[in-house]
Amino acid sequence: MVWKHNGVQIKEGRSWTDKNGIKHPSNWMIWSDEDKKGFGLTWEDDVDTSFDNRFYWSKGVERKLADTNEVDEDGKPIIDLITGKQLVTLGLKSKWIDTTKNTANALLSSTDWYVTRKAETSTAIPSDISKYRTDVRTATKTIEDKINNCTKLTEFMALFDAPTDDDGKPTGNAPMYDFPDEV
């Protein structure tokens, strides 16, 4: 019995980011059930928790970190009829780099108007906004570098673990979601 967002289990005591890139606090579990549902969470009974579907296809069957060039049973490339190129199944690294870029885009979008205003009227961008935008881009690169540096699934999985104190309470964001607070 767990709360999920877009099919991914949301763990108690850990912050989470929704599909719009909005980061929710680690104390989300104190919200009412109505509020949780309002933020897109769904309750699922009797979930098989023997494997984490973010990292495994099924119990004991790991998802691949790297992209896979698909081949048929004879070892010949499977050609995508639309692109005319070999079909590629994206690995966890590519998927999460894309997710990270989408999160950064969502975070930056609320301050894009400052950039447009500067281009159109030469009005300066406030320093706190410039710093925030730089921090988002820096965080994005840091997260992407951490993803790319993973050579084993266990290393990749560790990117989803928030640091904790001696009592097991979160002391920060999981590396995968370590973006600056919005301004």
Protein backbone atom coordinates (compact mmCIF):
# COMPACT_ATOMS: atom_id res chain seq x y z
CA MET A 1 0.00 0.00 0.00
CA VAL A 2 1.78 3.09 -1.29
CA TRP A 3 1.29 6.56 -2.69
CA LYS A 4 2.47 6.94 -6.28
CA HIS A 5 2.95 9.74 -8.77
CA ASN A 6 2.94 8.78 -12.46
CA GLY A 7 3.43 5.13 -11.48
CA VAL A 8 6.47 5.82 -9.28
CA GLN A 9 6.29 5.14 -5.57
CA ILE A 10 6.71 8.25 -3.42
CA LYS A 11 8.62 7.41 -0.27
CA GLU A 12 7.68 8.89 3.07
CA GLY A 13 10.21 11.37 4.42
CA ARG A 14 11.58 12.17 0.96
CA SER A 15 10.81 15.08 -1.29
CA TRP A 16 9.57 14.39 -4.81
CA THR A 17 9.19 16.26 -8.10
CA ASP A 18 5.98 16.02 -10.08
CA LYS A 19 5.60 15.80 -13.87
CA ASN A 20 5.56 19.61 -14.10
CA GLY A 21 8.91 19.90 -12.36
CA ILE A 22 7.39 21.14 -9.10
CA LYS A 23 9.33 19.89 -6.10
CA HIS A 24 7.24 18.85 -3.11
CA PRO A 25 8.58 18.79 0.46
CA SER A 26 9.75 15.73 2.36
CA ASN A 27 6.85 16.14 4.82
CA TRP A 28 4.20 15.63 2.11
CA MET A 29 2.78 12.67 4.04
CA ILE A 30 1.16 15.05 6.57
CA TRP A 31 -1.16 16.33 3.83
CA SER A 32 -4.74 15.12 3.81
CA ASP A 33 -5.60 12.37 1.34
CA GLU A 34 -7.62 14.94 -0.63
CA ASP A 35 -4.57 17.23 -0.90
CA LYS A 36 -2.33 14.33 -1.95
CA LYS A 37 -4.75 13.44 -4.72
CA GLY A 38 -4.94 17.12 -5.69
CA PHE A 39 -1.17 17.05 -6.28
CA GLY A 40 -1.49 14.01 -8.55
CA LEU A 41 -0.72 11.24 -6.05
CA THR A 42 -2.65 8.00 -6.22
CA TRP A 43 -3.03 5.32 -3.57
CA GLU A 44 -2.30 1.75 -4.60
CA ASP A 45 -3.13 -1.27 -2.49
CA ASP A 46 -1.18 -4.51 -2.42
CA VAL A 47 1.78 -3.40 -4.52
CA ASP A 48 4.51 -5.97 -5.02
CA THR A 49 7.43 -4.19 -3.37
CA SER A 50 9.94 -6.92 -4.12
CA PHE A 51 11.40 -4.79 -6.92
CA ASP A 52 11.53 -1.13 -7.82
CA ASN A 53 10.11 -0.66 -11.32
CA ARG A 54 12.22 2.46 -11.84
CA PHE A 55 15.27 0.19 -11.98
CA TYR A 56 13.93 -3.29 -12.76
CA TRP A 57 11.63 -4.65 -15.47
CA SER A 58 10.55 -7.39 -13.07
CA LYS A 59 12.00 -9.10 -10.03
CA GLY A 60 15.68 -9.70 -10.76
CA VAL A 61 15.55 -8.23 -14.31
CA GLU A 62 17.52 -4.97 -14.33
CA ARG A 63 16.82 -2.10 -16.68
CA LYS A 64 19.90 -1.15 -18.70
CA LEU A 65 21.82 2.02 -18.00
CA ALA A 66 22.97 2.48 -21.59
CA ASP A 67 20.93 2.74 -24.79
CA THR A 68 20.48 -0.51 -26.73
CA ASN A 69 20.65 -0.81 -30.51
CA GLU A 70 17.88 -3.29 -31.25
CA VAL A 71 18.53 -6.34 -33.43
CA ASP A 72 16.36 -9.20 -34.61
CA GLU A 73 16.88 -12.88 -33.77
CA ASP A 74 19.49 -13.11 -36.55
CA GLY A 75 21.49 -10.21 -35.11
CA LYS A 76 20.48 -7.83 -37.90
CA PRO A 77 19.55 -4.24 -36.99
CA ILE A 78 15.86 -3.54 -36.59
CA ILE A 79 15.13 -0.47 -38.72
CA ASP A 80 12.63 2.14 -37.56
CA LEU A 81 10.19 2.60 -40.44
CA ILE A 82 9.72 6.29 -39.66
CA THR A 83 13.36 7.38 -39.36
CA GLY A 84 15.00 4.70 -41.50
CA LYS A 85 17.60 4.28 -38.75
CA GLN A 86 18.29 1.43 -36.37
CA LEU A 87 15.76 1.25 -33.54
CA VAL A 88 17.27 2.27 -30.21
CA THR A 89 15.78 1.53 -26.81
CA LEU A 90 16.78 4.28 -24.42
CA GLY A 91 18.53 3.27 -21.23
CA LEU A 92 18.04 4.74 -17.78
CA LYS A 93 20.82 7.28 -18.30
CA SER A 94 19.23 8.78 -21.43
CA LYS A 95 15.76 8.75 -19.89
CA TRP A 96 16.86 10.48 -16.70
CA ILE A 97 19.03 13.03 -18.49
CA ASP A 98 15.93 13.90 -20.51
CA THR A 99 13.88 14.11 -17.30
CA THR A 100 16.52 16.35 -15.73
CA LYS A 101 16.50 18.68 -18.74
CA ASN A 102 12.69 18.84 -18.61
CA THR A 103 12.79 19.66 -14.90
CA ALA A 104 15.34 22.42 -15.53
CA ASN A 105 13.19 23.79 -18.34
CA ALA A 106 10.17 23.88 -16.04
CA LEU A 107 12.17 25.61 -13.30
CA LEU A 108 13.58 28.22 -15.68
CA SER A 109 10.31 28.90 -17.49
CA SER A 110 8.92 31.03 -14.66
CA THR A 111 11.81 33.49 -15.06
CA ASP A 112 12.15 33.39 -18.87
CA TRP A 113 10.26 36.65 -19.15
CA TYR A 114 13.18 38.48 -17.52
CA VAL A 115 15.44 37.30 -20.35
CA THR A 116 12.90 38.32 -22.98
CA ARG A 117 12.45 41.73 -21.36
CA LYS A 118 16.23 42.26 -21.33
CA ALA A 119 16.49 41.32 -25.01
CA GLU A 120 13.62 43.61 -25.98
CA THR A 121 14.16 46.61 -23.71
CA SER A 122 17.70 46.23 -22.30
CA THR A 123 16.23 46.18 -18.78
CA ALA A 124 18.66 44.40 -16.47
CA ILE A 125 17.79 41.01 -15.06
CA PRO A 126 17.74 41.20 -11.23
CA SER A 127 20.84 39.60 -9.73
CA ASP A 128 18.87 37.06 -7.67
CA ILE A 129 17.10 35.90 -10.85
CA SER A 130 20.38 35.64 -12.77
CA LYS A 131 21.94 33.69 -9.89
CA TYR A 132 18.94 31.35 -9.69
CA ARG A 133 19.02 30.67 -13.43
CA THR A 134 22.77 30.00 -13.29
CA ASP A 135 22.27 27.72 -10.27
CA VAL A 136 19.58 25.73 -12.12
CA ARG A 137 21.88 25.25 -15.13
CA THR A 138 24.79 24.30 -12.84
CA ALA A 139 22.62 21.83 -10.92
CA THR A 140 21.43 20.33 -14.21
CA LYS A 141 25.01 19.77 -15.39
CA THR A 142 25.98 18.31 -12.00
CA ILE A 143 23.05 15.87 -12.08
CA GLU A 144 23.79 14.90 -15.70
CA ASP A 145 27.47 14.34 -14.84
CA LYS A 146 26.49 12.12 -11.90
CA ILE A 147 24.17 10.13 -14.16
CA ASN A 148 26.83 9.74 -16.85
CA ASN A 149 29.46 8.67 -14.29
CA CYS A 150 27.38 5.68 -13.17
CA THR A 151 28.74 2.37 -14.41
CA LYS A 152 26.55 0.08 -12.28
CA LEU A 153 22.85 0.07 -11.51
CA THR A 154 23.57 0.33 -7.77
CA GLU A 155 25.48 3.58 -8.37
CA PHE A 156 22.56 4.91 -10.40
CA MET A 157 20.03 3.88 -7.76
CA ALA A 158 22.04 5.75 -5.10
CA LEU A 159 21.29 9.01 -6.95
CA PHE A 160 17.69 8.68 -5.73
CA ASP A 161 18.62 8.44 -2.04
CA ALA A 162 18.41 11.62 -0.01
CA PRO A 163 21.20 12.16 2.54
CA THR A 164 20.08 11.47 6.09
CA ASP A 165 21.29 12.24 9.59
CA ASP A 166 22.03 9.66 12.28
CA ASP A 167 18.29 9.39 13.03
CA GLY A 168 17.48 8.62 9.41
CA LYS A 169 15.87 12.01 8.77
CA PRO A 170 16.55 13.60 5.38
CA THR A 171 19.11 16.42 5.47
CA GLY A 172 18.86 17.43 1.83
CA ASN A 173 17.69 16.40 -1.60
CA ALA A 174 18.53 13.19 -3.37
CA PRO A 175 21.29 13.92 -5.93
CA MET A 176 18.83 13.21 -8.78
CA TYR A 177 16.59 16.04 -7.58
CA ASP A 178 19.15 18.49 -6.15
CA PHE A 179 17.94 21.69 -7.78
CA PRO A 180 18.02 25.11 -6.08
CA ASP A 181 14.96 26.44 -4.31
CA GLU A 182 12.82 28.61 -6.55
CA VAL A 183 13.03 32.38 -6.19
